[in-house]
Amino acid sequence: MPVTELAIIPLITPLSQDEPLPPALHQKLLHAKQVLESETGYTFYYYRQIEDPSVLYILGRWSSVAAHAVFLPSPENQALLKLLKDDIDAEKMTMYHLDVDIFDVPEGKRGIIGTEGAEVVSLNRHFVASEKKSGFQETFDGVKGLLENYTEPWQVVGGWRIEKEGEGKEEWVLFSGFESMDQHMGFAKTKEFERYKGVVGFVDGFEVRHLKRVEGL
């Protein structure tokens, strides 16, 4: 099964909510997308964070972490980094892999990522101590259906971060689709959320962000 690449890329120049990507940057990112897709054989997508539109996200697949590791020092990737060096804050960039293929859509669901994906994608990062990992997973599996029923027909998919941030630290990344940020926030006002929030007892912290696809990327 392929692994999912999640790259979080802050731009050097801040952008406002309604400000599109500069055409020159858009063209550079399109070129990077083409290189990644040629290398992997999979489609890659760019998203912008709604809370801070100056933060981009790359979502795509690799056949394995090892395959991506071979690409990173390659001349092709080094050329991309040089191309984008004046646009992205490389020191603040975060990139890792998830042990799940978020593009694999179960029967009866709609995939949240991509051209026909959800209007808004929530990206929820749950920071979990290693000793609580199995408890978190068991609890989440028990309440996942509550969120799925709320997001219907959009998919709910999550996976564990493969590259750990440190000893004893795990990260569960959850994606789900919504028509809007307000719809997602409305879940917290439902009676189902009272059961769903049982997962909170297993986390040391979490981060919730909302993403919108960059048209043409």
Protein backbone atom coordinates (compact mmCIF):
# COMPACT_ATOMS: atom_id res chain seq x y z
CA MET A 1 0.00 0.00 0.00
CA PRO A 2 1.33 3.49 -0.82
CA VAL A 3 2.13 5.96 1.94
CA THR A 4 0.75 9.50 2.00
CA GLU A 5 3.09 12.47 1.92
CA LEU A 6 1.97 15.46 3.98
CA ALA A 7 4.07 18.58 3.46
CA ILE A 8 3.27 21.84 5.28
CA ILE A 9 4.94 24.76 3.52
CA PRO A 10 4.84 28.35 4.84
CA LEU A 11 5.35 31.01 2.19
CA ILE A 12 7.86 33.78 2.79
CA THR A 13 5.45 36.51 1.64
CA PRO A 14 2.16 36.67 3.60
CA LEU A 15 -1.09 36.39 1.63
CA SER A 16 -4.55 37.54 2.64
CA GLN A 17 -7.75 35.48 2.60
CA ASP A 18 -8.91 36.59 -0.85
CA GLU A 19 -5.49 37.00 -2.43
CA PRO A 20 -4.65 34.39 -5.08
CA LEU A 21 -1.22 32.86 -5.42
CA PRO A 22 1.07 35.06 -7.52
CA PRO A 23 1.06 33.77 -11.12
CA ALA A 24 4.83 33.17 -11.09
CA LEU A 25 4.56 31.05 -7.93
CA HIS A 26 1.57 29.18 -9.33
CA GLN A 27 3.64 28.27 -12.40
CA LYS A 28 6.56 27.08 -10.26
CA LEU A 29 4.26 24.91 -8.15
CA LEU A 30 2.68 23.47 -11.29
CA HIS A 31 6.13 22.47 -12.50
CA ALA A 32 6.90 20.88 -9.12
CA LYS A 33 3.61 18.97 -9.29
CA GLN A 34 4.52 17.63 -12.73
CA VAL A 35 7.94 16.48 -11.52
CA LEU A 36 6.45 14.71 -8.47
CA GLU A 37 3.77 13.01 -10.55
CA SER A 38 6.32 11.88 -13.14
CA GLU A 39 8.52 10.46 -10.39
CA THR A 40 5.79 8.61 -8.50
CA GLY A 41 3.06 7.83 -11.00
CA TYR A 42 0.54 9.30 -8.54
CA THR A 43 -1.41 12.57 -8.58
CA PHE A 44 -0.36 15.33 -6.17
CA TYR A 45 -2.52 18.22 -4.96
CA TYR A 46 -1.86 21.62 -3.37
CA TYR A 47 -4.07 23.11 -0.68
CA ARG A 48 -4.07 26.42 1.18
CA GLN A 49 -4.88 26.79 4.85
CA ILE A 50 -8.03 28.83 5.39
CA GLU A 51 -6.90 30.14 8.78
CA ASP A 52 -3.59 31.32 7.28
CA PRO A 53 -3.62 31.42 3.45
CA SER A 54 0.17 31.86 3.46
CA VAL A 55 0.56 28.18 4.39
CA LEU A 56 0.44 25.60 1.61
CA TYR A 57 -0.02 21.85 1.90
CA ILE A 58 1.11 19.16 -0.52
CA LEU A 59 -0.81 15.88 -0.45
CA GLY A 60 0.34 12.97 -2.54
CA ARG A 61 1.52 9.38 -2.52
CA TRP A 62 4.77 7.44 -2.71
CA SER A 63 5.15 3.71 -3.12
CA SER A 64 7.17 3.75 0.13
CA VAL A 65 9.08 6.07 2.45
CA ALA A 66 12.29 4.61 1.01
CA ALA A 67 11.27 5.61 -2.52
CA HIS A 68 10.75 9.21 -1.37
CA ALA A 69 14.09 9.15 0.47
CA VAL A 70 15.84 8.25 -2.80
CA PHE A 71 14.19 11.20 -4.54
CA LEU A 72 15.01 13.86 -1.93
CA PRO A 73 18.77 14.21 -2.72
CA SER A 74 18.22 13.74 -6.46
CA PRO A 75 19.14 16.48 -8.97
CA GLU A 76 15.44 16.80 -9.87
CA ASN A 77 14.42 17.61 -6.30
CA GLN A 78 17.39 19.89 -5.69
CA ALA A 79 16.37 21.83 -8.79
CA LEU A 80 12.85 22.24 -7.34
CA LEU A 81 14.22 23.52 -4.03
CA LYS A 82 16.38 26.03 -5.91
CA LEU A 83 13.39 27.09 -8.03
CA LEU A 84 11.28 27.79 -4.92
CA LYS A 85 13.97 29.11 -2.56
CA ASP A 86 12.69 32.70 -2.73
CA ASP A 87 9.05 31.69 -2.20
CA ILE A 88 8.95 29.09 0.58
CA ASP A 89 10.31 29.23 4.12
CA ALA A 90 12.33 26.02 3.97
CA GLU A 91 13.41 26.25 7.62
CA LYS A 92 9.79 26.16 8.81
CA MET A 93 8.64 23.52 6.31
CA THR A 94 7.37 20.23 7.77
CA MET A 95 7.20 17.01 5.76
CA TYR A 96 6.38 13.47 6.82
CA HIS A 97 4.45 10.37 5.78
CA LEU A 98 1.32 8.63 7.01
CA ASP A 99 0.82 4.88 7.12
CA VAL A 100 -2.41 5.17 5.12
CA ASP A 101 -3.44 5.92 1.56
CA ILE A 102 -5.85 8.83 2.02
CA PHE A 103 -6.78 8.60 -1.66
CA ASP A 104 -8.23 5.10 -1.25
CA VAL A 105 -12.00 5.67 -1.12
CA PRO A 106 -14.33 3.04 0.44
CA GLU A 107 -17.38 1.99 -1.54
CA GLY A 108 -20.30 4.33 -0.98
CA LYS A 109 -18.11 7.29 0.04
CA ARG A 110 -16.80 10.32 -1.84
CA GLY A 111 -13.08 10.99 -1.78
CA ILE A 112 -12.26 14.24 -0.03
CA ILE A 113 -8.97 15.02 -1.79
CA GLY A 114 -8.64 16.06 -5.40
CA THR A 115 -10.49 17.69 -8.27
CA GLU A 116 -13.88 16.35 -7.22
CA GLY A 117 -13.12 16.50 -3.51
CA ALA A 118 -14.78 18.31 -0.65
CA GLU A 119 -15.10 22.10 -0.60
CA VAL A 120 -13.27 22.16 2.74
CA VAL A 121 -10.96 19.50 4.18
CA SER A 122 -10.33 19.45 7.90
CA LEU A 123 -6.84 18.37 8.95
CA ASN A 124 -6.76 17.35 12.60
CA ARG A 125 -3.40 16.48 14.13
CA HIS A 126 -3.64 14.54 17.41
CA PHE A 127 -0.48 14.31 19.51
CA VAL A 128 -0.51 11.06 21.47
CA ALA A 129 1.97 9.53 23.92
CA SER A 130 3.17 6.12 22.76
CA GLU A 131 1.68 4.32 25.75
CA LYS A 132 -1.76 5.73 24.86
CA LYS A 133 -1.63 4.85 21.16
CA SER A 134 -3.58 1.59 21.36
CA GLY A 135 -6.20 3.16 23.66
CA PHE A 136 -6.62 6.10 21.31
CA GLN A 137 -6.97 3.84 18.28
CA GLU A 138 -9.53 1.61 19.98
CA THR A 139 -11.57 4.59 21.17
CA PHE A 140 -11.43 6.34 17.79
CA ASP A 141 -12.49 3.19 15.95
CA GLY A 142 -15.49 3.02 18.26
CA VAL A 143 -16.67 6.56 17.55
CA LYS A 144 -15.50 7.11 13.96
CA GLY A 145 -18.98 6.29 12.67
CA LEU A 146 -20.42 9.29 14.50
CA LEU A 147 -18.22 11.64 12.50
CA GLU A 148 -18.82 9.70 9.29
CA ASN A 149 -22.56 10.04 9.70
CA TYR A 150 -22.15 13.79 10.19
CA THR A 151 -19.86 14.27 7.17
CA GLU A 152 -21.89 11.99 4.86
CA PRO A 153 -21.17 11.43 2.00
CA TRP A 154 -17.62 12.67 2.46
CA GLN A 155 -14.89 10.33 3.57
CA VAL A 156 -13.24 10.26 7.01
CA VAL A 157 -9.71 8.84 6.92
CA GLY A 158 -6.80 8.91 9.34
CA GLY A 159 -3.34 7.47 9.77
CA TRP A 160 -0.31 7.46 12.02
CA ARG A 161 2.75 9.57 11.31
CA ILE A 162 5.61 7.28 10.30
CA GLU A 163 8.56 9.54 11.17
CA LYS A 164 8.27 10.27 14.90
CA GLU A 165 8.87 13.75 16.32
CA GLY A 166 10.64 12.24 19.32
CA GLU A 167 10.92 9.27 21.65
CA GLY A 168 7.54 8.24 23.02
CA LYS A 169 5.61 10.59 20.72
CA GLU A 170 2.97 9.57 18.19
CA GLU A 171 0.77 11.64 15.88
CA TRP A 172 -2.61 10.66 14.45
CA VAL A 173 -3.65 12.74 11.44
CA LEU A 174 -7.33 12.79 10.52
CA PHE A 175 -8.86 14.13 7.31
CA SER A 176 -12.56 14.69 6.75
CA GLY A 177 -14.62 16.59 4.20
CA PHE A 178 -17.14 19.39 4.77
CA GLU A 179 -19.10 21.92 2.80
CA SER A 180 -17.67 24.70 4.98
CA MET A 181 -15.71 25.45 8.14
CA ASP A 182 -18.98 26.32 9.86
CA GLN A 183 -20.34 22.86 9.14
CA HIS A 184 -17.29 21.29 10.76
CA MET A 185 -17.57 23.53 13.82
CA GLY A 186 -21.23 22.58 14.08
CA PHE A 187 -20.26 19.01 14.91
CA ALA A 188 -19.17 20.15 18.38
CA LYS A 189 -22.76 21.27 19.05
CA THR A 190 -24.30 17.85 18.37
CA LYS A 191 -25.15 15.21 20.95
CA GLU A 192 -22.98 12.75 19.01
CA PHE A 193 -19.95 14.88 19.79
CA GLU A 194 -20.36 14.15 23.48
CA ARG A 195 -19.39 10.55 22.73
CA TYR A 196 -16.87 11.40 20.03
CA LYS A 197 -14.83 13.68 22.28
CA GLY A 198 -13.83 10.64 24.35
CA VAL A 199 -10.70 10.54 22.18
CA VAL A 200 -9.54 13.77 23.83
CA GLY A 201 -8.64 11.85 26.98
CA PHE A 202 -5.87 10.08 25.06
CA VAL A 203 -4.17 13.12 23.51
CA ASP A 204 -1.53 15.47 24.86
CA GLY A 205 -2.62 18.13 22.38
CA PHE A 206 -4.15 18.63 18.98
CA GLU A 207 -4.24 21.05 16.06
CA VAL A 208 -7.21 21.69 13.80
CA ARG A 209 -6.78 23.38 10.44
CA HIS A 210 -9.02 23.74 7.39
CA LEU A 211 -7.77 23.42 3.83
CA LYS A 212 -9.06 24.55 0.46
CA ARG A 213 -7.72 23.21 -2.80
CA VAL A 214 -5.68 25.52 -5.01
CA GLU A 215 -7.40 25.55 -8.39
CA GLY A 216 -5.26 24.10 -11.13
CA LEU A 217 -2.90 22.46 -8.67
